[in-house]
Amino acid sequence: QVQLVESGGGLVQPGGSLRLSCAASGSIFRINVMAWYRQAPGNERELVARISSGGLTDYANSVKGRFTISRDNAKNTVYLQMNSLKPEDTAVYYCYMSHCTRDGEDWDYWGQGTQVPVSS
């Protein structure tokens, strides 16, 4: 079994910065894509950013140039650096991981979610 534990959320003022972390633990064999999603009240969950095992990244248009996703493969951890935050970035942010087992099975895992309210 694999667990994802997120940290780093919290209240931030517009224009401020925040760094989210998500660490995977458990029976890890090979982690493929890691990503961050978010869900604002009344909205569906949406992709914010994702990063492949080789470091290729992809961002939602709404966060390009402000957010940066990175990963530390040695620590099985993915990060989301969020700068120039706006009130519309307010959401619960979820970490996602695609994991391949030793037997070749692919499993998706989600973190518990961390609140990021952007407000003055």
N, C-alpha and C. Protein backbone atom coordinates (compact mmCIF):
# COMPACT_ATOMS: atom_id res chain seq x y z
N GLN A 1 0.85 -1.19 0.00
CA GLN A 1 0.00 0.00 0.00
C GLN A 1 0.88 1.24 0.00
N VAL A 2 0.37 2.29 -0.62
CA VAL A 2 1.11 3.55 -0.73
C VAL A 2 0.26 4.66 -0.14
N GLN A 3 0.91 5.56 0.59
CA GLN A 3 0.22 6.70 1.16
C GLN A 3 0.86 7.99 0.67
N LEU A 4 0.03 9.02 0.52
CA LEU A 4 0.51 10.36 0.16
C LEU A 4 0.14 11.30 1.30
N VAL A 5 1.11 12.05 1.75
CA VAL A 5 0.88 13.02 2.83
C VAL A 5 1.28 14.40 2.34
N GLU A 6 0.31 15.31 2.36
CA GLU A 6 0.53 16.67 1.90
C GLU A 6 0.82 17.59 3.07
N SER A 7 1.50 18.67 2.77
CA SER A 7 1.76 19.70 3.78
C SER A 7 2.00 21.03 3.07
N GLY A 8 1.89 22.10 3.83
CA GLY A 8 2.24 23.42 3.30
C GLY A 8 1.07 24.33 3.01
N GLY A 9 -0.15 23.87 3.14
CA GLY A 9 -1.29 24.74 2.87
C GLY A 9 -1.52 25.74 3.98
N GLY A 10 -2.42 26.66 3.72
CA GLY A 10 -2.74 27.66 4.72
C GLY A 10 -3.15 28.97 4.10
N LEU A 11 -3.62 29.88 4.95
CA LEU A 11 -4.09 31.18 4.49
C LEU A 11 -2.93 32.03 3.97
N VAL A 12 -3.14 32.66 2.82
CA VAL A 12 -2.12 33.53 2.25
C VAL A 12 -2.81 34.73 1.62
N GLN A 13 -2.14 35.87 1.67
CA GLN A 13 -2.70 37.08 1.09
C GLN A 13 -2.51 37.11 -0.42
N PRO A 14 -3.36 37.82 -1.14
CA PRO A 14 -3.15 37.97 -2.58
C PRO A 14 -1.77 38.54 -2.88
N GLY A 15 -1.12 37.96 -3.88
CA GLY A 15 0.24 38.36 -4.20
C GLY A 15 1.30 37.58 -3.46
N GLY A 16 0.88 36.80 -2.49
CA GLY A 16 1.84 36.04 -1.69
C GLY A 16 2.24 34.73 -2.33
N SER A 17 3.08 33.99 -1.60
CA SER A 17 3.61 32.72 -2.10
C SER A 17 3.37 31.62 -1.08
N LEU A 18 3.34 30.40 -1.60
CA LEU A 18 3.16 29.24 -0.75
C LEU A 18 3.80 28.06 -1.45
N ARG A 19 4.34 27.13 -0.68
CA ARG A 19 4.93 25.92 -1.26
C ARG A 19 4.26 24.70 -0.67
N LEU A 20 3.65 23.91 -1.52
CA LEU A 20 3.05 22.66 -1.09
C LEU A 20 4.01 21.50 -1.31
N SER A 21 3.95 20.53 -0.41
CA SER A 21 4.76 19.32 -0.53
C SER A 21 3.86 18.10 -0.42
N CYS A 22 4.27 17.03 -1.07
CA CYS A 22 3.52 15.78 -1.00
C CYS A 22 4.52 14.64 -1.02
N ALA A 23 4.57 13.89 0.06
CA ALA A 23 5.53 12.80 0.18
C ALA A 23 4.82 11.45 0.10
N ALA A 24 5.36 10.58 -0.72
CA ALA A 24 4.81 9.23 -0.85
C ALA A 24 5.60 8.27 0.01
N SER A 25 4.89 7.34 0.63
CA SER A 25 5.56 6.34 1.46
C SER A 25 4.83 5.00 1.33
N GLY A 26 5.49 3.95 1.78
CA GLY A 26 4.89 2.63 1.70
C GLY A 26 5.64 1.75 0.73
N SER A 27 4.93 0.84 0.10
CA SER A 27 5.53 -0.13 -0.81
C SER A 27 5.69 0.48 -2.20
N ILE A 28 6.67 1.34 -2.33
CA ILE A 28 6.89 2.06 -3.59
C ILE A 28 7.85 1.30 -4.46
N PHE A 29 7.44 1.09 -5.74
CA PHE A 29 8.33 0.46 -6.70
C PHE A 29 8.78 1.46 -7.75
N ARG A 30 7.80 1.99 -8.52
CA ARG A 30 8.12 3.00 -9.52
C ARG A 30 6.99 4.02 -9.62
N ILE A 31 7.35 5.28 -9.37
CA ILE A 31 6.39 6.36 -9.49
C ILE A 31 6.48 6.95 -10.89
N ASN A 32 5.37 7.05 -11.55
CA ASN A 32 5.35 7.65 -12.89
C ASN A 32 4.97 9.13 -12.75
N VAL A 33 3.80 9.50 -13.21
CA VAL A 33 3.40 10.90 -13.14
C VAL A 33 3.04 11.30 -11.71
N MET A 34 3.47 12.48 -11.33
CA MET A 34 3.01 13.12 -10.08
C MET A 34 2.37 14.44 -10.48
N ALA A 35 1.34 14.82 -9.74
CA ALA A 35 0.60 16.01 -10.16
C ALA A 35 -0.09 16.66 -8.98
N TRP A 36 -0.55 17.87 -9.22
CA TRP A 36 -1.39 18.60 -8.28
C TRP A 36 -2.69 18.96 -8.98
N TYR A 37 -3.78 18.70 -8.29
CA TYR A 37 -5.11 19.09 -8.72
C TYR A 37 -5.67 20.04 -7.67
N ARG A 38 -6.73 20.74 -8.03
CA ARG A 38 -7.42 21.57 -7.05
C ARG A 38 -8.91 21.56 -7.30
N GLN A 39 -9.64 21.83 -6.23
CA GLN A 39 -11.09 21.88 -6.33
C GLN A 39 -11.59 23.04 -5.50
N ALA A 40 -12.19 24.01 -6.17
CA ALA A 40 -12.79 25.15 -5.51
C ALA A 40 -14.24 24.83 -5.19
N PRO A 41 -14.82 25.50 -4.19
CA PRO A 41 -16.22 25.24 -3.83
C PRO A 41 -17.13 25.39 -5.04
N GLY A 42 -17.96 24.38 -5.27
CA GLY A 42 -18.91 24.42 -6.37
C GLY A 42 -18.34 24.06 -7.73
N ASN A 43 -17.04 23.79 -7.77
CA ASN A 43 -16.37 23.46 -9.04
C ASN A 43 -15.90 22.01 -9.05
N GLU A 44 -15.62 21.52 -10.24
CA GLU A 44 -15.05 20.19 -10.35
C GLU A 44 -13.54 20.26 -10.10
N ARG A 45 -12.98 19.11 -9.77
CA ARG A 45 -11.54 19.04 -9.57
C ARG A 45 -10.84 19.26 -10.91
N GLU A 46 -9.79 20.08 -10.90
CA GLU A 46 -9.08 20.40 -12.13
C GLU A 46 -7.58 20.20 -11.96
N LEU A 47 -6.93 19.86 -13.07
CA LEU A 47 -5.48 19.70 -13.05
C LEU A 47 -4.81 21.06 -12.94
N VAL A 48 -3.85 21.17 -12.04
CA VAL A 48 -3.07 22.39 -11.89
C VAL A 48 -1.73 22.23 -12.63
N ALA A 49 -1.03 21.14 -12.31
CA ALA A 49 0.28 20.90 -12.92
C ALA A 49 0.63 19.43 -12.75
N ARG A 50 1.45 18.91 -13.67
CA ARG A 50 1.90 17.53 -13.56
C ARG A 50 3.34 17.44 -14.04
N ILE A 51 4.01 16.40 -13.57
CA ILE A 51 5.42 16.22 -13.92
C ILE A 51 5.67 14.73 -14.11
N SER A 52 6.36 14.41 -15.19
CA SER A 52 6.65 13.01 -15.49
C SER A 52 7.85 12.55 -14.67
N SER A 53 8.13 11.27 -14.75
CA SER A 53 9.28 10.74 -14.02
C SER A 53 10.58 11.32 -14.55
N GLY A 54 10.56 11.76 -15.81
CA GLY A 54 11.75 12.35 -16.40
C GLY A 54 11.84 13.85 -16.25
N GLY A 55 10.84 14.45 -15.61
CA GLY A 55 10.89 15.87 -15.34
C GLY A 55 10.14 16.76 -16.31
N LEU A 56 9.42 16.17 -17.26
CA LEU A 56 8.62 16.98 -18.17
C LEU A 56 7.40 17.52 -17.42
N THR A 57 7.10 18.80 -17.64
CA THR A 57 6.02 19.44 -16.90
C THR A 57 4.92 19.96 -17.83
N ASP A 58 3.76 20.12 -17.22
CA ASP A 58 2.58 20.62 -17.94
C ASP A 58 1.76 21.41 -16.93
N TYR A 59 1.23 22.57 -17.35
CA TYR A 59 0.51 23.45 -16.43
C TYR A 59 -0.84 23.87 -17.01
N ALA A 60 -1.79 24.11 -16.12
CA ALA A 60 -3.02 24.75 -16.53
C ALA A 60 -2.70 26.17 -16.96
N ASN A 61 -3.43 26.67 -17.94
CA ASN A 61 -3.17 28.02 -18.45
C ASN A 61 -3.29 29.07 -17.34
N SER A 62 -4.18 28.83 -16.41
CA SER A 62 -4.44 29.82 -15.36
C SER A 62 -3.27 29.99 -14.39
N VAL A 63 -2.34 29.04 -14.37
CA VAL A 63 -1.24 29.13 -13.41
C VAL A 63 0.13 29.25 -14.08
N LYS A 64 0.17 29.19 -15.40
CA LYS A 64 1.45 29.28 -16.11
C LYS A 64 2.17 30.58 -15.77
N GLY A 65 3.45 30.46 -15.48
CA GLY A 65 4.25 31.61 -15.12
C GLY A 65 4.19 31.99 -13.66
N ARG A 66 3.27 31.39 -12.91
CA ARG A 66 3.15 31.70 -11.48
C ARG A 66 3.47 30.49 -10.61
N PHE A 67 3.10 29.29 -11.06
CA PHE A 67 3.32 28.07 -10.30
C PHE A 67 4.43 27.25 -10.94
N THR A 68 5.16 26.54 -10.09
CA THR A 68 6.21 25.64 -10.57
C THR A 68 6.10 24.30 -9.85
N ILE A 69 6.01 23.23 -10.64
CA ILE A 69 5.98 21.89 -10.06
C ILE A 69 7.37 21.28 -10.19
N SER A 70 7.78 20.54 -9.16
CA SER A 70 9.07 19.87 -9.18
C SER A 70 8.95 18.58 -8.37
N ARG A 71 9.94 17.73 -8.51
CA ARG A 71 9.90 16.48 -7.74
C ARG A 71 11.31 16.07 -7.36
N ASP A 72 11.39 15.38 -6.24
CA ASP A 72 12.65 14.81 -5.76
C ASP A 72 12.44 13.31 -5.75
N ASN A 73 12.96 12.64 -6.75
CA ASN A 73 12.72 11.20 -6.89
C ASN A 73 13.35 10.40 -5.75
N ALA A 74 14.44 10.89 -5.21
CA ALA A 74 15.09 10.19 -4.10
C ALA A 74 14.23 10.21 -2.84
N LYS A 75 13.42 11.26 -2.72
CA LYS A 75 12.55 11.39 -1.54
C LYS A 75 11.10 11.04 -1.85
N ASN A 76 10.82 10.66 -3.10
CA ASN A 76 9.43 10.34 -3.50
C ASN A 76 8.49 11.48 -3.16
N THR A 77 8.93 12.69 -3.46
CA THR A 77 8.18 13.88 -3.06
C THR A 77 7.98 14.79 -4.26
N VAL A 78 6.79 15.39 -4.32
CA VAL A 78 6.49 16.38 -5.34
C VAL A 78 6.16 17.69 -4.65
N TYR A 79 6.55 18.79 -5.28
CA TYR A 79 6.34 20.12 -4.72
C TYR A 79 5.54 20.99 -5.69
N LEU A 80 4.87 21.98 -5.13
CA LEU A 80 4.22 22.98 -5.95
C LEU A 80 4.54 24.34 -5.35
N GLN A 81 5.38 25.10 -6.03
CA GLN A 81 5.69 26.46 -5.61
C GLN A 81 4.67 27.39 -6.26
N MET A 82 3.93 28.11 -5.44
CA MET A 82 2.88 28.98 -5.93
C MET A 82 3.24 30.42 -5.60
N ASN A 83 3.41 31.23 -6.62
CA ASN A 83 3.74 32.65 -6.46
C ASN A 83 2.62 33.51 -7.03
N SER A 84 2.63 34.77 -6.65
CA SER A 84 1.63 35.73 -7.15
C SER A 84 0.22 35.17 -7.03
N LEU A 85 -0.08 34.67 -5.86
CA LEU A 85 -1.38 34.01 -5.67
C LEU A 85 -2.53 35.00 -5.78
N LYS A 86 -3.63 34.52 -6.33
CA LYS A 86 -4.83 35.32 -6.55
C LYS A 86 -5.99 34.70 -5.76
N PRO A 87 -7.01 35.50 -5.46
CA PRO A 87 -8.17 34.93 -4.77
C PRO A 87 -8.78 33.75 -5.52
N GLU A 88 -8.71 33.77 -6.84
CA GLU A 88 -9.29 32.67 -7.61
C GLU A 88 -8.46 31.38 -7.53
N ASP A 89 -7.31 31.43 -6.89
CA ASP A 89 -6.54 30.22 -6.64
C ASP A 89 -7.03 29.49 -5.39
N THR A 90 -7.94 30.12 -4.68
CA THR A 90 -8.49 29.50 -3.47
C THR A 90 -9.14 28.17 -3.80
N ALA A 91 -8.70 27.12 -3.11
CA ALA A 91 -9.21 25.78 -3.39
C ALA A 91 -8.60 24.80 -2.39
N VAL A 92 -9.09 23.59 -2.45
CA VAL A 92 -8.41 22.48 -1.79
C VAL A 92 -7.49 21.86 -2.84
N TYR A 93 -6.22 21.74 -2.50
CA TYR A 93 -5.23 21.21 -3.42
C TYR A 93 -4.95 19.75 -3.07
N TYR A 94 -4.97 18.91 -4.10
CA TYR A 94 -4.78 17.48 -3.93
C TYR A 94 -3.54 17.02 -4.69
N CYS A 95 -2.77 16.20 -4.05
CA CYS A 95 -1.63 15.57 -4.68
C CYS A 95 -2.09 14.27 -5.35
N TYR A 96 -1.50 13.96 -6.50
CA TYR A 96 -1.84 12.74 -7.24
C TYR A 96 -0.55 12.02 -7.64
N MET A 97 -0.62 10.70 -7.65
CA MET A 97 0.53 9.93 -8.06
C MET A 97 0.08 8.70 -8.84
N SER A 98 0.78 8.44 -9.92
CA SER A 98 0.58 7.20 -10.68
C SER A 98 1.72 6.26 -10.34
N HIS A 99 1.38 5.12 -9.80
CA HIS A 99 2.40 4.19 -9.32
C HIS A 99 2.31 2.86 -10.03
N CYS A 100 3.45 2.33 -10.40
CA CYS A 100 3.50 1.03 -11.03
C CYS A 100 4.14 0.04 -10.06
N THR A 101 3.46 -1.08 -9.83
CA THR A 101 3.98 -2.08 -8.89
C THR A 101 5.02 -2.96 -9.57
N ARG A 102 5.67 -3.78 -8.76
CA ARG A 102 6.68 -4.69 -9.27
C ARG A 102 6.06 -5.69 -10.28
N ASP A 103 4.78 -5.95 -10.12
CA ASP A 103 4.07 -6.87 -11.02
C ASP A 103 3.55 -6.19 -12.28
N GLY A 104 3.81 -4.90 -12.40
CA GLY A 104 3.40 -4.19 -13.60
C GLY A 104 2.00 -3.61 -13.55
N GLU A 105 1.42 -3.56 -12.38
CA GLU A 105 0.08 -2.99 -12.23
C GLU A 105 0.17 -1.50 -11.96
N ASP A 106 -0.70 -0.73 -12.60
CA ASP A 106 -0.74 0.72 -12.40
C ASP A 106 -1.86 1.08 -11.43
N TRP A 107 -1.51 1.89 -10.45
CA TRP A 107 -2.47 2.32 -9.45
C TRP A 107 -2.39 3.84 -9.31
N ASP A 108 -3.55 4.46 -9.09
CA ASP A 108 -3.61 5.90 -8.85
C ASP A 108 -3.82 6.15 -7.35
N TYR A 109 -3.11 7.13 -6.83
CA TYR A 109 -3.24 7.51 -5.43
C TYR A 109 -3.47 9.01 -5.31
N TRP A 110 -4.23 9.36 -4.28
CA TRP A 110 -4.54 10.77 -4.00
C TRP A 110 -4.18 11.10 -2.56
N GLY A 111 -3.74 12.35 -2.37
CA GLY A 111 -3.53 12.85 -1.03
C GLY A 111 -4.86 13.24 -0.40
N GLN A 112 -4.80 13.63 0.87
CA GLN A 112 -6.01 13.95 1.61
C GLN A 112 -6.52 15.35 1.29
N GLY A 113 -5.73 16.15 0.65
CA GLY A 113 -6.12 17.51 0.32
C GLY A 113 -5.64 18.51 1.36
N THR A 114 -5.25 19.67 0.90
CA THR A 114 -4.83 20.74 1.81
C THR A 114 -5.46 22.05 1.35
N GLN A 115 -5.99 22.78 2.32
CA GLN A 115 -6.71 24.02 2.02
C GLN A 115 -5.74 25.16 1.71
N VAL A 116 -6.05 25.91 0.65
CA VAL A 116 -5.28 27.11 0.34
C VAL A 116 -6.28 28.25 0.12
N PRO A 117 -6.58 29.00 1.17
CA PRO A 117 -7.42 30.18 1.01
C PRO A 117 -6.54 31.39 0.69
N VAL A 118 -6.90 32.12 -0.36
CA VAL A 118 -6.16 33.33 -0.72
C VAL A 118 -7.08 34.52 -0.46
N SER A 119 -6.76 35.26 0.58
CA SER A 119 -7.65 36.34 1.00
C SER A 119 -6.88 37.35 1.82
N SER A 120 -7.33 38.60 1.72
CA SER A 120 -6.73 39.64 2.56
C SER A 120 -7.54 39.82 3.84
